[in-house]
C-alpha atoms as a PDB file:
ATOM      1  CA  MET A   1     104.422  52.740 116.161  1.00  0.00           C
ATOM      2  CA  LYS A   2     102.076  54.386 118.594  1.00  0.00           C
ATOM      3  CA  ASN A   3     104.650  57.075 119.325  1.00  0.00           C
ATOM      4  CA  LEU A   4     105.036  57.760 115.621  1.00  0.00           C
ATOM      5  CA  PHE A   5     101.302  58.294 115.210  1.00  0.00           C
ATOM      6  CA  LYS A   6     101.227  60.554 118.275  1.00  0.00           C
ATOM      7  CA  THR A   7     104.171  62.587 116.868  1.00  0.00           C
ATOM      8  CA  ILE A   8     102.522  62.861 113.441  1.00  0.00           C
ATOM      9  CA  HIS A   9      99.216  63.900 115.110  1.00  0.00           C
ATOM     10  CA  SER A  10     101.059  66.437 117.294  1.00  0.00           C
ATOM     11  CA  ILE A  11     102.845  67.996 114.311  1.00  0.00           C
ATOM     12  CA  PHE A  12      99.667  68.133 112.267  1.00  0.00           C
ATOM     13  CA  SER A  13      97.700  69.673 115.160  1.00  0.00           C
ATOM     14  CA  SER A  14     100.384  72.292 115.697  1.00  0.00           C
ATOM     15  CA  LYS A  15     100.388  73.239 111.998  1.00  0.00           C
ATOM     16  CA  VAL A  16      96.569  73.417 111.977  1.00  0.00           C
ATOM     17  CA  ARG A  17      96.558  75.615 115.133  1.00  0.00           C
ATOM     18  CA  LYS A  18      99.066  78.015 113.557  1.00  0.00           C
ATOM     19  CA  ALA A  19      97.178  78.191 110.317  1.00  0.00           C
ATOM     20  CA  ASN A  20      93.863  78.756 112.188  1.00  0.00           C
ATOM     21  CA  ARG A  21      95.403  81.497 114.265  1.00  0.00           C
ATOM     22  CA  LYS A  22      96.732  83.288 111.180  1.00  0.00           C
ATOM     23  CA  LEU A  23      93.325  82.872 109.458  1.00  0.00           C
ATOM     24  CA  GLN A  24      91.448  84.190 112.475  1.00  0.00           C
ATOM     25  CA  ILE A  25      93.637  87.266 112.592  1.00  0.00           C
ATOM     26  CA  ASN A  26      93.323  87.875 108.851  1.00  0.00           C
ATOM     27  CA  ASN A  27      89.537  87.490 109.065  1.00  0.00           C
ATOM     28  CA  CYS A  28      89.351  89.940 111.960  1.00  0.00           C
ATOM     29  CA  ILE A  29      91.452  92.479 110.028  1.00  0.00           C
ATOM     30  CA  ASP A  30      89.138  91.952 106.988  1.00  0.00           C
ATOM     31  CA  LEU A  31      86.036  92.466 109.154  1.00  0.00           C
ATOM     32  CA  ILE A  32      87.494  95.628 110.680  1.00  0.00           C
ATOM     33  CA  ASP A  33      88.368  96.964 107.206  1.00  0.00           C
ATOM     34  CA  ASN A  34      84.781  96.283 106.087  1.00  0.00           C
ATOM     35  CA  GLN A  35      83.436  97.966 109.199  1.00  0.00           C
ATOM     36  CA  GLN A  36      85.708 100.998 108.635  1.00  0.00           C
ATOM     37  CA  PHE A  37      84.482 101.242 105.021  1.00  0.00           C
ATOM     38  CA  THR A  38      80.825 101.102 106.130  1.00  0.00           C
ATOM     39  CA  LEU A  39      81.430 103.728 108.849  1.00  0.00           C
ATOM     40  CA  ALA A  40      83.346 105.963 106.453  1.00  0.00           C
ATOM     41  CA  GLN A  41      80.391 105.834 104.029  1.00  0.00           C
ATOM     42  CA  ALA A  42      77.963 106.695 106.820  1.00  0.00           C
ATOM     43  CA  TYR A  43      80.246 109.563 107.888  1.00  0.00           C
ATOM     44  CA  LYS A  44      80.295 110.980 104.376  1.00  0.00           C
ATOM     45  CA  LYS A  45      76.519 110.730 104.071  1.00  0.00           C
ATOM     46  CA  LEU A  46      76.093 112.482 107.427  1.00  0.00           C
ATOM     47  CA  THR A  47      78.483 115.246 106.415  1.00  0.00           C
ATOM     48  CA  VAL A  48      76.522 115.809 103.185  1.00  0.00           C
ATOM     49  CA  ALA A  49      73.214 115.807 105.100  1.00  0.00           C
ATOM     50  CA  ILE A  50      74.542 118.210 107.715  1.00  0.00           C
ATOM     51  CA  ASN A  51      75.834 120.648 105.081  1.00  0.00           C
ATOM     52  CA  ASP A  52      72.518 120.438 103.229  1.00  0.00           C
ATOM     53  CA  LEU A  53      70.557 121.038 106.445  1.00  0.00           C
ATOM     54  CA  GLU A  54      72.730 123.993 107.394  1.00  0.00           C
ATOM     55  CA  ALA A  55      71.914 125.596 104.073  1.00  0.00           C
ATOM     56  CA  LYS A  56      68.214 124.866 104.539  1.00  0.00           C
ATOM     57  CA  LEU A  57      68.324 126.269 108.048  1.00  0.00           C
ATOM     58  CA  LYS A  58      69.806 129.524 106.810  1.00  0.00           C
ATOM     59  CA  ASP A  59      67.149 129.741 104.112  1.00  0.00           C
ATOM     60  CA  ALA A  60      64.330 128.930 106.612  1.00  0.00           C
ATOM     61  CA  LYS A  61      65.579 131.633 109.031  1.00  0.00           C
ATOM     62  CA  THR A  62      65.744 134.280 106.272  1.00  0.00           C
ATOM     63  CA  GLU A  63      62.221 133.283 105.066  1.00  0.00           C
ATOM     64  CA  ALA A  64      60.879 133.526 108.669  1.00  0.00           C
ATOM     65  CA  GLU A  65      62.405 136.974 109.081  1.00  0.00           C
ATOM     66  CA  ARG A  66      60.889 138.197 105.780  1.00  0.00           C
ATOM     67  CA  GLU A  67      57.417 136.843 106.417  1.00  0.00           C
ATOM     68  CA  ALA A  68      54.867 139.521 107.220  1.00  0.00           C
ATOM     69  CA  LYS A  69      52.007 137.332 108.419  1.00  0.00           C
ATOM     70  CA  PRO A  70      52.486 136.346 112.056  1.00  0.00           C
ATOM     71  CA  GLU A  71      50.823 132.891 111.710  1.00  0.00           C
ATOM     72  CA  VAL A  72      53.081 131.866 108.776  1.00  0.00           C
ATOM     73  CA  LYS A  73      56.043 133.420 110.499  1.00  0.00           C
ATOM     74  CA  THR A  74      55.594 131.241 113.615  1.00  0.00           C
ATOM     75  CA  VAL A  75      55.242 128.112 111.434  1.00  0.00           C
ATOM     76  CA  LYS A  76      58.431 128.982 109.569  1.00  0.00           C
ATOM     77  CA  GLN A  77      60.218 129.654 112.875  1.00  0.00           C
ATOM     78  CA  LYS A  78      59.042 126.228 114.168  1.00  0.00           C
ATOM     79  CA  ASN A  79      60.386 124.628 110.960  1.00  0.00           C
ATOM     80  CA  ALA A  80      63.732 126.365 111.566  1.00  0.00           C
ATOM     81  CA  GLU A  81      63.770 125.020 115.154  1.00  0.00           C
ATOM     82  CA  ILE A  82      63.032 121.480 113.931  1.00  0.00           C
ATOM     83  CA  ILE A  83      65.881 121.743 111.452  1.00  0.00           C
ATOM     84  CA  GLU A  84      68.179 123.021 114.266  1.00  0.00           C
ATOM     85  CA  THR A  85      67.289 120.027 116.488  1.00  0.00           C
ATOM     86  CA  THR A  86      67.724 117.626 113.605  1.00  0.00           C
ATOM     87  CA  LEU A  87      71.064 119.204 112.799  1.00  0.00           C
ATOM     88  CA  ALA A  88      72.235 118.855 116.419  1.00  0.00           C
ATOM     89  CA  ARG A  89      71.229 115.200 116.468  1.00  0.00           C
ATOM     90  CA  LEU A  90      73.098 114.552 113.163  1.00  0.00           C
ATOM     91  CA  LYS A  91      76.200 116.259 114.473  1.00  0.00           C
ATOM     92  CA  LYS A  92      76.118 114.123 117.553  1.00  0.00           C
ATOM     93  CA  SER A  93      75.772 110.990 115.395  1.00  0.00           C
ATOM     94  CA  LYS A  94      78.663 112.187 113.256  1.00  0.00           C
ATOM     95  CA  GLU A  95      80.863 112.521 116.354  1.00  0.00           C
ATOM     96  CA  GLY A  96      79.827 108.983 117.403  1.00  0.00           C
ATOM     97  CA  ILE A  97      80.729 107.589 114.052  1.00  0.00           C
ATOM     98  CA  ALA A  98      84.124 109.400 114.186  1.00  0.00           C
ATOM     99  CA  ALA A  99      84.824 107.841 117.584  1.00  0.00           C
ATOM    100  CA  LYS A 100      83.867 104.424 116.304  1.00  0.00           C
ATOM    101  CA  LEU A 101      86.154 104.885 113.337  1.00  0.00           C
ATOM    102  CA  GLN A 102      89.037 105.781 115.638  1.00  0.00           C
ATOM    103  CA  LYS A 103      88.338 102.683 117.836  1.00  0.00           C
ATOM    104  CA  THR A 104      88.240 100.359 114.824  1.00  0.00           C
ATOM    105  CA  GLU A 105      91.487 101.866 113.531  1.00  0.00           C
ATOM    106  CA  ASP A 106      93.095 101.275 116.912  1.00  0.00           C
ATOM    107  CA  SER A 107      91.833  97.692 116.904  1.00  0.00           C
ATOM    108  CA  ARG A 108      93.057  97.226 113.382  1.00  0.00           C
ATOM    109  CA  VAL A 109      96.506  98.481 114.308  1.00  0.00           C
ATOM    110  CA  VAL A 110      96.695  96.085 117.266  1.00  0.00           C
ATOM    111  CA  LEU A 111      95.643  93.132 115.128  1.00  0.00           C
ATOM    112  CA  VAL A 112      98.115  94.016 112.404  1.00  0.00           C
ATOM    113  CA  ALA A 113     100.859  94.267 115.058  1.00  0.00           C
ATOM    114  CA  LYS A 114      99.864  90.877 116.493  1.00  0.00           C
ATOM    115  CA  LYS A 115      99.940  89.364 113.004  1.00  0.00           C
ATOM    116  CA  SER A 116     103.305  90.856 112.377  1.00  0.00           C
ATOM    117  CA  LEU A 117     104.569  89.515 115.711  1.00  0.00           C
ATOM    118  CA  LEU A 118     103.355  86.010 114.909  1.00  0.00           C
ATOM    119  CA  ASP A 119     104.943  86.193 111.499  1.00  0.00           C
ATOM    120  CA  SER A 120     108.256  87.430 112.931  1.00  0.00           C
ATOM    121  CA  ILE A 121     108.207  84.622 115.518  1.00  0.00           C
ATOM    122  CA  GLU A 122     107.642  82.070 112.772  1.00  0.00           C
ATOM    123  CA  SER A 123     110.412  83.704 110.776  1.00  0.00           C
ATOM    124  CA  LEU A 124     112.709  83.659 113.767  1.00  0.00           C
ATOM    125  CA  LYS A 125     111.952  79.945 114.283  1.00  0.00           C
ATOM    126  CA  GLY A 126     112.787  79.295 110.672  1.00  0.00           C
ATOM    127  CA  MET A 127     116.078  81.203 110.809  1.00  0.00           C
ATOM    128  CA  THR A 128     117.434  79.506 113.885  1.00  0.00           C
ATOM    129  CA  SER A 129     118.458  75.956 114.566  1.00  0.00           C
ATOM    130  CA  ASN A 130     115.996  73.550 116.012  1.00  0.00           C
ATOM    131  CA  CYS A 131     116.422  74.854 119.592  1.00  0.00           C
ATOM    132  CA  PHE A 132     112.780  75.904 119.785  1.00  0.00           C
ATOM    133  CA  GLU A 133     111.467  72.601 118.582  1.00  0.00           C
ATOM    134  CA  THR A 134     113.055  70.305 121.142  1.00  0.00           C
ATOM    135  CA  THR A 135     111.320  69.675 124.412  1.00  0.00           C
ATOM    136  CA  ASP A 136     114.383  70.213 126.585  1.00  0.00           C
ATOM    137  CA  PHE A 137     115.621  73.568 125.204  1.00  0.00           C
ATOM    138  CA  ASP A 138     117.148  76.069 127.582  1.00  0.00           C
ATOM    139  CA  VAL A 139     116.999  79.866 127.742  1.00  0.00           C
ATOM    140  CA  ASP A 140     120.727  80.362 127.063  1.00  0.00           C
ATOM    141  CA  THR A 141     120.476  78.600 123.756  1.00  0.00           C
ATOM    142  CA  ILE A 142     117.539  80.698 122.715  1.00  0.00           C
ATOM    143  CA  MET A 143     119.205  83.932 123.765  1.00  0.00           C
ATOM    144  CA  SER A 144     122.371  82.973 121.895  1.00  0.00           C
ATOM    145  CA  GLU A 145     120.304  82.274 118.756  1.00  0.00           C
ATOM    146  CA  ILE A 146     118.518  85.659 119.105  1.00  0.00           C
ATOM    147  CA  ASP A 147     121.855  87.478 119.728  1.00  0.00           C
ATOM    148  CA  LYS A 148     123.344  85.802 116.637  1.00  0.00           C
ATOM    149  CA  THR A 149     120.389  86.833 114.484  1.00  0.00           C
ATOM    150  CA  ILE A 150     120.593  90.436 115.832  1.00  0.00           C
ATOM    151  CA  ARG A 151     124.352  90.542 115.136  1.00  0.00           C
ATOM    152  CA  ASP A 152     123.737  89.344 111.588  1.00  0.00           C
ATOM    153  CA  ILE A 153     121.137  91.987 110.999  1.00  0.00           C
ATOM    154  CA  GLU A 154     123.326  94.703 112.515  1.00  0.00           C
ATOM    155  CA  SER A 155     126.224  93.565 110.282  1.00  0.00           C
ATOM    156  CA  GLU A 156     123.998  93.855 107.218  1.00  0.00           C
ATOM    157  CA  PHE A 157     122.945  97.364 108.260  1.00  0.00           C
ATOM    158  CA  GLN A 158     126.560  98.361 108.849  1.00  0.00           C
ATOM    159  CA  ALA A 159     127.556  96.956 105.444  1.00  0.00           C
ATOM    160  CA  ASN A 160     124.717  98.851 103.757  1.00  0.00           C
ATOM    161  CA  ASP A 161     125.747 102.092 105.502  1.00  0.00           C
ATOM    162  CA  GLU A 162     129.310 101.592 104.413  1.00  0.00           C
ATOM    163  CA  LEU A 163     128.253 100.923 100.845  1.00  0.00           C
ATOM    164  CA  ASN A 164     126.098 104.021 100.843  1.00  0.00           C
ATOM    165  CA  GLU A 165     129.027 106.102 102.065  1.00  0.00           C
ATOM    166  CA  LEU A 166     131.247 104.696  99.305  1.00  0.00           C
ATOM    167  CA  ALA A 167     128.604 105.368  96.691  1.00  0.00           C
ATOM    168  CA  LYS A 168     128.407 109.092  97.656  1.00  0.00           C
END
């Protein structure tokens, strides 16, 4: 009776671990998607601000050139310099956000690949006999199951190709 409870507990723990792992990966993917959305919005806002400041810089420089009074001209030139430094800072921030977007996309791709791998392993376990679930399984049995699955898939591809040829 004690062994039965241990077995039930072991099975339940295994199922819970698998479910938790999948949920953790899904949560990470969702968090990265949210982060990408936020970064994309910030990138758009920076692009709009940069374009607006470039137009204002052009106007400020033309106004400074047209100004006849030297005191007002120096103030307008200072304003143009301030706009230039702000513009440079915003462009640097935009590059940083673009780099973060790329990093999050790379992380997202890795997590999606891991999730896909876990799903395919679970699928492979479901397609095969119980050789994975016994405690004394051997490598040859696993390899033969994998080879059989690959042969079945290749046969399906070959049949699909032949059917496509016949349909032409």
